[in-house]
């Protein structure tokens, strides 16, 4: 079957995808040390921006992978329908 083969072939692509809360290493260190409110706010904003960028990139990768799988699944179906339709006409 196409899907298991495709998934096994691309497991290395999936290993790089992490949940958003694990994407950044500095997540638990935001409030460590003597931060002012402004510094804390800027630090949290920077961290949130990094998380958003990481999740956006992962979403793009997953979308591309889904499109690839859909295309690979559609090709044999399209060929089979075309063949059946041509046999019926002939």
PDB file of N, CA and C in Angstrom:
ATOM      1  N   UNK A   1       0.831  -1.179   0.000  1.00  0.00           N
ATOM      2  CA  UNK A   1       0.000   0.000   0.000  1.00  0.00           C
ATOM      3  C   UNK A   1       0.879   1.246   0.000  1.00  0.00           C
ATOM      4  N   UNK A   2       0.418   2.298  -0.590  1.00  0.00           N
ATOM      5  CA  UNK A   2       1.206   3.502  -0.797  1.00  0.00           C
ATOM      6  C   UNK A   2       1.481   4.251   0.494  1.00  0.00           C
ATOM      7  N   UNK A   3       0.488   4.436   1.330  1.00  0.00           N
ATOM      8  CA  UNK A   3       0.625   5.299   2.503  1.00  0.00           C
ATOM      9  C   UNK A   3       1.664   4.765   3.495  1.00  0.00           C
ATOM     10  N   UNK A   4       1.612   3.482   3.921  1.00  0.00           N
ATOM     11  CA  UNK A   4       2.646   3.018   4.863  1.00  0.00           C
ATOM     12  C   UNK A   4       4.056   3.144   4.280  1.00  0.00           C
ATOM     13  N   UNK A   5       4.198   2.846   2.984  1.00  0.00           N
ATOM     14  CA  UNK A   5       5.505   2.973   2.355  1.00  0.00           C
ATOM     15  C   UNK A   5       5.971   4.427   2.410  1.00  0.00           C
ATOM     16  N   UNK A   6       5.080   5.332   2.097  1.00  0.00           N
ATOM     17  CA  UNK A   6       5.429   6.748   2.091  1.00  0.00           C
ATOM     18  C   UNK A   6       5.782   7.240   3.486  1.00  0.00           C
ATOM     19  N   UNK A   7       5.031   6.818   4.487  1.00  0.00           N
ATOM     20  CA  UNK A   7       5.298   7.234   5.861  1.00  0.00           C
ATOM     21  C   UNK A   7       6.636   6.678   6.329  1.00  0.00           C
ATOM     22  N   UNK A   8       6.908   5.383   6.058  1.00  0.00           N
ATOM     23  CA  UNK A   8       8.183   4.805   6.461  1.00  0.00           C
ATOM     24  C   UNK A   8       9.347   5.503   5.766  1.00  0.00           C
ATOM     25  N   UNK A   9       9.139   5.869   4.514  1.00  0.00           N
ATOM     26  CA  UNK A   9      10.181   6.525   3.737  1.00  0.00           C
ATOM     27  C   UNK A   9      10.498   7.919   4.287  1.00  0.00           C
ATOM     28  N   UNK A  10       9.512   8.575   4.882  1.00  0.00           N
ATOM     29  CA  UNK A  10       9.682   9.959   5.325  1.00  0.00           C
ATOM     30  C   UNK A  10       9.670  10.126   6.838  1.00  0.00           C
ATOM     31  N   UNK A  11       9.971   9.070   7.585  1.00  0.00           N
ATOM     32  CA  UNK A  11       9.993   9.194   9.045  1.00  0.00           C
ATOM     33  C   UNK A  11      11.034  10.197   9.504  1.00  0.00           C
ATOM     34  N   UNK A  12      12.139  10.298   8.773  1.00  0.00           N
ATOM     35  CA  UNK A  12      13.170  11.251   9.182  1.00  0.00           C
ATOM     36  C   UNK A  12      12.640  12.671   9.114  1.00  0.00           C
ATOM     37  N   UNK A  13      11.739  12.970   8.165  1.00  0.00           N
ATOM     38  CA  UNK A  13      11.147  14.305   8.092  1.00  0.00           C
ATOM     39  C   UNK A  13      10.286  14.567   9.314  1.00  0.00           C
ATOM     40  N   UNK A  14       9.588  13.557   9.796  1.00  0.00           N
ATOM     41  CA  UNK A  14       8.673  13.726  10.914  1.00  0.00           C
ATOM     42  C   UNK A  14       9.410  13.837  12.247  1.00  0.00           C
ATOM     43  N   UNK A  15      10.629  13.290  12.331  1.00  0.00           N
ATOM     44  CA  UNK A  15      11.366  13.329  13.600  1.00  0.00           C
ATOM     45  C   UNK A  15      11.737  14.742  14.003  1.00  0.00           C
ATOM     46  N   UNK A  16      11.888  15.640  13.037  1.00  0.00           N
ATOM     47  CA  UNK A  16      12.271  17.005  13.341  1.00  0.00           C
ATOM     48  C   UNK A  16      11.128  17.853  13.851  1.00  0.00           C
ATOM     49  N   UNK A  17       9.910  17.345  13.785  1.00  0.00           N
ATOM     50  CA  UNK A  17       8.750  18.121  14.194  1.00  0.00           C
ATOM     51  C   UNK A  17       8.510  17.910  15.682  1.00  0.00           C
ATOM     52  N   UNK A  18       8.493  19.002  16.431  1.00  0.00           N
ATOM     53  CA  UNK A  18       8.276  18.941  17.872  1.00  0.00           C
ATOM     54  C   UNK A  18       7.034  19.752  18.207  1.00  0.00           C
ATOM     55  N   UNK A  19       6.351  19.401  19.268  1.00  0.00           N
ATOM     56  CA  UNK A  19       5.248  20.256  19.706  1.00  0.00           C
ATOM     57  C   UNK A  19       5.766  21.651  20.029  1.00  0.00           C
ATOM     58  N   UNK A  20       4.911  22.630  19.868  1.00  0.00           N
ATOM     59  CA  UNK A  20       5.318  24.019  20.050  1.00  0.00           C
ATOM     60  C   UNK A  20       5.935  24.315  21.403  1.00  0.00           C
ATOM     61  N   UNK A  21       5.462  23.680  22.466  1.00  0.00           N
ATOM     62  CA  UNK A  21       5.995  24.012  23.795  1.00  0.00           C
ATOM     63  C   UNK A  21       7.383  23.425  24.001  1.00  0.00           C
ATOM     64  N   UNK A  22       7.829  22.506  23.136  1.00  0.00           N
ATOM     65  CA  UNK A  22       9.196  21.990  23.209  1.00  0.00           C
ATOM     66  C   UNK A  22      10.109  22.648  22.180  1.00  0.00           C
ATOM     67  N   UNK A  23       9.545  23.469  21.324  1.00  0.00           N
ATOM     68  CA  UNK A  23      10.310  24.021  20.215  1.00  0.00           C
ATOM     69  C   UNK A  23      11.438  24.935  20.677  1.00  0.00           C
ATOM     70  N   UNK A  24      11.239  25.648  21.759  1.00  0.00           N
ATOM     71  CA  UNK A  24      12.252  26.579  22.247  1.00  0.00           C
ATOM     72  C   UNK A  24      12.855  26.054  23.539  1.00  0.00           C
ATOM     73  N   UNK A  25      14.173  26.116  23.628  1.00  0.00           N
ATOM     74  CA  UNK A  25      14.858  25.600  24.813  1.00  0.00           C
ATOM     75  C   UNK A  25      14.775  26.551  26.000  1.00  0.00           C
ATOM     76  N   UNK A  26      14.585  27.840  25.761  1.00  0.00           N
ATOM     77  CA  UNK A  26      14.642  28.807  26.844  1.00  0.00           C
ATOM     78  C   UNK A  26      13.288  29.073  27.486  1.00  0.00           C
ATOM     79  N   UNK A  27      12.306  28.254  27.227  1.00  0.00           N
ATOM     80  CA  UNK A  27      10.953  28.503  27.710  1.00  0.00           C
ATOM     81  C   UNK A  27      10.833  28.629  29.210  1.00  0.00           C
ATOM     82  N   UNK A  28      11.513  27.787  29.981  1.00  0.00           N
ATOM     83  CA  UNK A  28      11.398  27.831  31.428  1.00  0.00           C
ATOM     84  C   UNK A  28      12.297  28.849  32.074  1.00  0.00           C
ATOM     85  N   UNK A  29      13.134  29.515  31.308  1.00  0.00           N
ATOM     86  CA  UNK A  29      14.114  30.435  31.864  1.00  0.00           C
ATOM     87  C   UNK A  29      13.729  31.891  31.654  1.00  0.00           C
ATOM     88  N   UNK A  30      12.503  32.137  31.275  1.00  0.00           N
ATOM     89  CA  UNK A  30      12.109  33.503  30.965  1.00  0.00           C
ATOM     90  C   UNK A  30      12.162  34.420  32.177  1.00  0.00           C
ATOM     91  N   UNK A  31      11.736  33.944  33.318  1.00  0.00           N
ATOM     92  CA  UNK A  31      11.639  34.815  34.481  1.00  0.00           C
ATOM     93  C   UNK A  31      12.778  34.613  35.473  1.00  0.00           C
ATOM     94  N   UNK A  32      13.826  33.897  35.077  1.00  0.00           N
ATOM     95  CA  UNK A  32      14.928  33.694  36.014  1.00  0.00           C
ATOM     96  C   UNK A  32      15.802  34.950  36.040  1.00  0.00           C
ATOM     97  N   UNK A  33      16.210  35.335  37.209  1.00  0.00           N
ATOM     98  CA  UNK A  33      17.062  36.514  37.347  1.00  0.00           C
ATOM     99  C   UNK A  33      16.249  37.766  37.627  1.00  0.00           C
ATOM    100  N   UNK A  34      16.949  38.847  37.922  1.00  0.00           N
ATOM    101  CA  UNK A  34      16.272  40.102  38.273  1.00  0.00           C
ATOM    102  C   UNK A  34      15.830  40.878  37.027  1.00  0.00           C
ATOM    103  N   UNK A  35      14.686  40.548  36.504  1.00  0.00           N
ATOM    104  CA  UNK A  35      14.132  41.245  35.354  1.00  0.00           C
ATOM    105  C   UNK A  35      13.222  42.364  35.817  1.00  0.00           C
ATOM    106  N   UNK A  36      13.257  43.445  35.083  1.00  0.00           N
ATOM    107  CA  UNK A  36      12.236  44.466  35.303  1.00  0.00           C
ATOM    108  C   UNK A  36      10.996  44.024  34.538  1.00  0.00           C
ATOM    109  N   UNK A  37       9.890  44.683  34.776  1.00  0.00           N
ATOM    110  CA  UNK A  37       8.657  44.337  34.069  1.00  0.00           C
ATOM    111  C   UNK A  37       8.837  44.489  32.567  1.00  0.00           C
ATOM    112  N   UNK A  38       9.544  45.540  32.157  1.00  0.00           N
ATOM    113  CA  UNK A  38       9.765  45.783  30.732  1.00  0.00           C
ATOM    114  C   UNK A  38      10.628  44.672  30.124  1.00  0.00           C
ATOM    115  N   UNK A  39      11.724  44.325  30.797  1.00  0.00           N
ATOM    116  CA  UNK A  39      12.603  43.267  30.301  1.00  0.00           C
ATOM    117  C   UNK A  39      11.878  41.932  30.239  1.00  0.00           C
ATOM    118  N   UNK A  40      11.085  41.651  31.263  1.00  0.00           N
ATOM    119  CA  UNK A  40      10.315  40.413  31.293  1.00  0.00           C
ATOM    120  C   UNK A  40       9.321  40.377  30.130  1.00  0.00           C
ATOM    121  N   UNK A  41       8.659  41.487  29.889  1.00  0.00           N
ATOM    122  CA  UNK A  41       7.687  41.572  28.801  1.00  0.00           C
ATOM    123  C   UNK A  41       8.376  41.374  27.454  1.00  0.00           C
ATOM    124  N   UNK A  42       9.529  42.022  27.256  1.00  0.00           N
ATOM    125  CA  UNK A  42      10.273  41.876  25.995  1.00  0.00           C
ATOM    126  C   UNK A  42      10.760  40.441  25.808  1.00  0.00           C
ATOM    127  N   UNK A  43      11.220  39.845  26.912  1.00  0.00           N
ATOM    128  CA  UNK A  43      11.697  38.472  26.846  1.00  0.00           C
ATOM    129  C   UNK A  43      10.563  37.511  26.483  1.00  0.00           C
ATOM    130  N   UNK A  44       9.427  37.701  27.105  1.00  0.00           N
ATOM    131  CA  UNK A  44       8.265  36.856  26.792  1.00  0.00           C
ATOM    132  C   UNK A  44       7.794  37.068  25.363  1.00  0.00           C
ATOM    133  N   UNK A  45       7.821  38.306  24.923  1.00  0.00           N
ATOM    134  CA  UNK A  45       7.429  38.603  23.539  1.00  0.00           C
ATOM    135  C   UNK A  45       8.358  37.935  22.535  1.00  0.00           C
ATOM    136  N   UNK A  46       9.655  37.985  22.799  1.00  0.00           N
ATOM    137  CA  UNK A  46      10.626  37.346  21.914  1.00  0.00           C
ATOM    138  C   UNK A  46      10.432  35.832  21.895  1.00  0.00           C
ATOM    139  N   UNK A  47      10.188  35.273  23.070  1.00  0.00           N
ATOM    140  CA  UNK A  47       9.973  33.830  23.164  1.00  0.00           C
ATOM    141  C   UNK A  47       8.700  33.422  22.412  1.00  0.00           C
ATOM    142  N   UNK A  48       7.640  34.192  22.583  1.00  0.00           N
ATOM    143  CA  UNK A  48       6.376  33.899  21.897  1.00  0.00           C
ATOM    144  C   UNK A  48       6.561  34.001  20.392  1.00  0.00           C
ATOM    145  N   UNK A  49       7.312  34.993  19.946  1.00  0.00           N
ATOM    146  CA  UNK A  49       7.576  35.153  18.519  1.00  0.00           C
ATOM    147  C   UNK A  49       8.332  33.934  17.971  1.00  0.00           C
ATOM    148  N   UNK A  50       9.341  33.470  18.717  1.00  0.00           N
ATOM    149  CA  UNK A  50      10.104  32.282  18.291  1.00  0.00           C
ATOM    150  C   UNK A  50       9.199  31.057  18.206  1.00  0.00           C
ATOM    151  N   UNK A  51       8.329  30.894  19.195  1.00  0.00           N
ATOM    152  CA  UNK A  51       7.400  29.760  19.181  1.00  0.00           C
ATOM    153  C   UNK A  51       6.470  29.848  17.980  1.00  0.00           C
ATOM    154  N   UNK A  52       5.948  31.031  17.717  1.00  0.00           N
ATOM    155  CA  UNK A  52       5.036  31.220  16.589  1.00  0.00           C
ATOM    156  C   UNK A  52       5.738  30.895  15.276  1.00  0.00           C
ATOM    157  N   UNK A  53       6.972  31.361  15.117  1.00  0.00           N
ATOM    158  CA  UNK A  53       7.734  31.087  13.902  1.00  0.00           C
ATOM    159  C   UNK A  53       7.998  29.596  13.747  1.00  0.00           C
ATOM    160  N   UNK A  54       8.319  28.914  14.847  1.00  0.00           N
ATOM    161  CA  UNK A  54       8.574  27.471  14.793  1.00  0.00           C
ATOM    162  C   UNK A  54       7.304  26.714  14.413  1.00  0.00           C
ATOM    163  N   UNK A  55       6.182  27.079  15.004  1.00  0.00           N
ATOM    164  CA  UNK A  55       4.916  26.409  14.698  1.00  0.00           C
ATOM    165  C   UNK A  55       4.501  26.691  13.258  1.00  0.00           C
ATOM    166  N   UNK A  56       4.717  27.914  12.785  1.00  0.00           N
ATOM    167  CA  UNK A  56       4.396  28.256  11.398  1.00  0.00           C
ATOM    168  C   UNK A  56       5.222  27.415  10.431  1.00  0.00           C
ATOM    169  N   UNK A  57       6.508  27.269  10.712  1.00  0.00           N
ATOM    170  CA  UNK A  57       7.373  26.458   9.849  1.00  0.00           C
ATOM    171  C   UNK A  57       6.937  24.988   9.864  1.00  0.00           C
ATOM    172  N   UNK A  58       6.580  24.467  11.039  1.00  0.00           N
ATOM    173  CA  UNK A  58       6.125  23.081  11.135  1.00  0.00           C
ATOM    174  C   UNK A  58       4.817  22.878  10.387  1.00  0.00           C
ATOM    175  N   UNK A  59       3.922  23.851  10.471  1.00  0.00           N
ATOM    176  CA  UNK A  59       2.654  23.764   9.759  1.00  0.00           C
ATOM    177  C   UNK A  59       2.890  23.738   8.257  1.00  0.00           C
ATOM    178  N   UNK A  60       3.822  24.552   7.795  1.00  0.00           N
ATOM    179  CA  UNK A  60       4.158  24.574   6.368  1.00  0.00           C
ATOM    180  C   UNK A  60       4.701  23.212   5.925  1.00  0.00           C
ATOM    181  N   UNK A  61       5.597  22.637   6.724  1.00  0.00           N
ATOM    182  CA  UNK A  61       6.159  21.318   6.402  1.00  0.00           C
ATOM    183  C   UNK A  61       5.065  20.250   6.344  1.00  0.00           C
ATOM    184  N   UNK A  62       4.165  20.263   7.328  1.00  0.00           N
ATOM    185  CA  UNK A  62       3.085  19.276   7.347  1.00  0.00           C
ATOM    186  C   UNK A  62       2.133  19.464   6.170  1.00  0.00           C
ATOM    187  N   UNK A  63       1.873  20.695   5.779  1.00  0.00           N
ATOM    188  CA  UNK A  63       1.014  20.969   4.631  1.00  0.00           C
ATOM    189  C   UNK A  63       1.646  20.427   3.359  1.00  0.00           C
ATOM    190  N   UNK A  64       2.937  20.669   3.188  1.00  0.00           N
ATOM    191  CA  UNK A  64       3.646  20.155   2.009  1.00  0.00           C
ATOM    192  C   UNK A  64       3.622  18.633   1.987  1.00  0.00           C
ATOM    193  N   UNK A  65       3.831  18.006   3.138  1.00  0.00           N
ATOM    194  CA  UNK A  65       3.804  16.550   3.223  1.00  0.00           C
ATOM    195  C   UNK A  65       2.418  16.010   2.882  1.00  0.00           C
ATOM    196  N   UNK A  66       1.375  16.652   3.391  1.00  0.00           N
ATOM    197  CA  UNK A  66       0.003  16.225   3.097  1.00  0.00           C
ATOM    198  C   UNK A  66      -0.305  16.363   1.613  1.00  0.00           C
ATOM    199  N   UNK A  67       0.149  17.436   0.991  1.00  0.00           N
ATOM    200  CA  UNK A  67      -0.068  17.613  -0.445  1.00  0.00           C
ATOM    201  C   UNK A  67       0.652  16.539  -1.249  1.00  0.00           C
ATOM    202  N   UNK A  68       1.864  16.198  -0.827  1.00  0.00           N
ATOM    203  CA  UNK A  68       2.637  15.162  -1.501  1.00  0.00           C
ATOM    204  C   UNK A  68       1.923  13.806  -1.421  1.00  0.00           C
ATOM    205  N   UNK A  69       1.453  13.470  -0.225  1.00  0.00           N
ATOM    206  CA  UNK A  69       0.747  12.199  -0.024  1.00  0.00           C
ATOM    207  C   UNK A  69      -0.539  12.168  -0.854  1.00  0.00           C
ATOM    208  N   UNK A  70      -1.281  13.272  -0.850  1.00  0.00           N
ATOM    209  CA  UNK A  70      -2.528  13.345  -1.612  1.00  0.00           C
ATOM    210  C   UNK A  70      -2.262  13.152  -3.095  1.00  0.00           C
ATOM    211  N   UNK A  71      -1.223  13.777  -3.605  1.00  0.00           N
ATOM    212  CA  UNK A  71      -0.867  13.634  -5.017  1.00  0.00           C
ATOM    213  C   UNK A  71      -0.501  12.188  -5.339  1.00  0.00           C
ATOM    214  N   UNK A  72       0.281  11.559  -4.471  1.00  0.00           N
ATOM    215  CA  UNK A  72       0.680  10.171  -4.709  1.00  0.00           C
ATOM    216  C   UNK A  72      -0.508   9.216  -4.653  1.00  0.00           C
ATOM    217  N   UNK A  73      -1.467   9.508  -3.799  1.00  0.00           N
ATOM    218  CA  UNK A  73      -2.658   8.657  -3.712  1.00  0.00           C
ATOM    219  C   UNK A  73      -3.546   8.859  -4.930  1.00  0.00           C
ATOM    220  N   UNK A  74      -3.643  10.092  -5.390  1.00  0.00           N
ATOM    221  CA  UNK A  74      -4.542  10.411  -6.502  1.00  0.00           C
ATOM    222  C   UNK A  74      -4.066   9.848  -7.831  1.00  0.00           C
ATOM    223  N   UNK A  75      -2.771   9.732  -8.039  1.00  0.00           N
ATOM    224  CA  UNK A  75      -2.249   9.261  -9.323  1.00  0.00           C
ATOM    225  C   UNK A  75      -2.766   7.870  -9.710  1.00  0.00           C
ATOM    226  N   UNK A  76      -2.654   6.841  -8.851  1.00  0.00           N
ATOM    227  CA  UNK A  76      -3.167   5.524  -9.232  1.00  0.00           C
ATOM    228  C   UNK A  76      -4.691   5.527  -9.426  1.00  0.00           C
ATOM    229  N   UNK A  77      -5.396   6.290  -8.602  1.00  0.00           N
ATOM    230  CA  UNK A  77      -6.847   6.360  -8.753  1.00  0.00           C
ATOM    231  C   UNK A  77      -7.217   6.984 -10.087  1.00  0.00           C
ATOM    232  N   UNK A  78      -6.537   8.052 -10.432  1.00  0.00           N
ATOM    233  CA  UNK A  78      -6.788   8.731 -11.701  1.00  0.00           C
ATOM    234  C   UNK A  78      -6.493   7.801 -12.872  1.00  0.00           C
ATOM    235  N   UNK A  79      -5.396   7.071 -12.806  1.00  0.00           N
ATOM    236  CA  UNK A  79      -5.040   6.137 -13.875  1.00  0.00           C
ATOM    237  C   UNK A  79      -6.075   5.031 -13.996  1.00  0.00           C
ATOM    238  N   UNK A  80      -6.548   4.507 -12.861  1.00  0.00           N
ATOM    239  CA  UNK A  80      -7.553   3.447 -12.884  1.00  0.00           C
ATOM    240  C   UNK A  80      -8.872   3.917 -13.461  1.00  0.00           C
ATOM    241  N   UNK A  81      -9.310   5.103 -13.097  1.00  0.00           N
ATOM    242  CA  UNK A  81     -10.565   5.636 -13.620  1.00  0.00           C
ATOM    243  C   UNK A  81     -10.443   5.889 -15.114  1.00  0.00           C
ATOM    244  N   UNK A  82      -9.329   6.444 -15.541  1.00  0.00           N
ATOM    245  CA  UNK A  82      -9.108   6.712 -16.968  1.00  0.00           C
ATOM    246  C   UNK A  82      -9.112   5.409 -17.757  1.00  0.00           C
ATOM    247  N   UNK A  83      -8.443   4.389 -17.226  1.00  0.00           N
ATOM    248  CA  UNK A  83      -8.388   3.091 -17.909  1.00  0.00           C
ATOM    249  C   UNK A  83      -9.789   2.487 -18.000  1.00  0.00           C
ATOM    250  N   UNK A  84     -10.534   2.519 -16.915  1.00  0.00           N
ATOM    251  CA  UNK A  84     -11.896   1.969 -16.920  1.00  0.00           C
ATOM    252  C   UNK A  84     -12.799   2.730 -17.885  1.00  0.00           C
ATOM    253  N   UNK A  85     -12.665   4.036 -17.910  1.00  0.00           N
ATOM    254  CA  UNK A  85     -13.479   4.849 -18.795  1.00  0.00           C
ATOM    255  C   UNK A  85     -13.129   4.561 -20.259  1.00  0.00           C
ATOM    256  N   UNK A  86     -11.849   4.438 -20.562  1.00  0.00           N
ATOM    257  CA  UNK A  86     -11.415   4.148 -21.940  1.00  0.00           C
ATOM    258  C   UNK A  86     -11.842   2.756 -22.378  1.00  0.00           C
ATOM    259  N   UNK A  87     -11.819   1.770 -21.473  1.00  0.00           N
ATOM    260  CA  UNK A  87     -12.259   0.418 -21.803  1.00  0.00           C
ATOM    261  C   UNK A  87     -13.748   0.382 -22.068  1.00  0.00           C
ATOM    262  N   UNK A  88     -14.501   1.187 -21.388  1.00  0.00           N
ATOM    263  CA  UNK A  88     -15.947   1.209 -21.545  1.00  0.00           C
ATOM    264  C   UNK A  88     -16.327   1.817 -22.892  1.00  0.00           C
ATOM    265  N   UNK A  89     -15.596   2.838 -23.307  1.00  0.00           N
ATOM    266  CA  UNK A  89     -15.879   3.507 -24.586  1.00  0.00           C
ATOM    267  C   UNK A  89     -15.489   2.604 -25.753  1.00  0.00           C
ATOM    268  N   UNK A  90     -14.375   1.902 -25.632  1.00  0.00           N
ATOM    269  CA  UNK A  90     -13.854   1.085 -26.742  1.00  0.00           C
ATOM    270  C   UNK A  90     -14.641  -0.160 -26.968  1.00  0.00           C
TER     271      UNK A  90
END
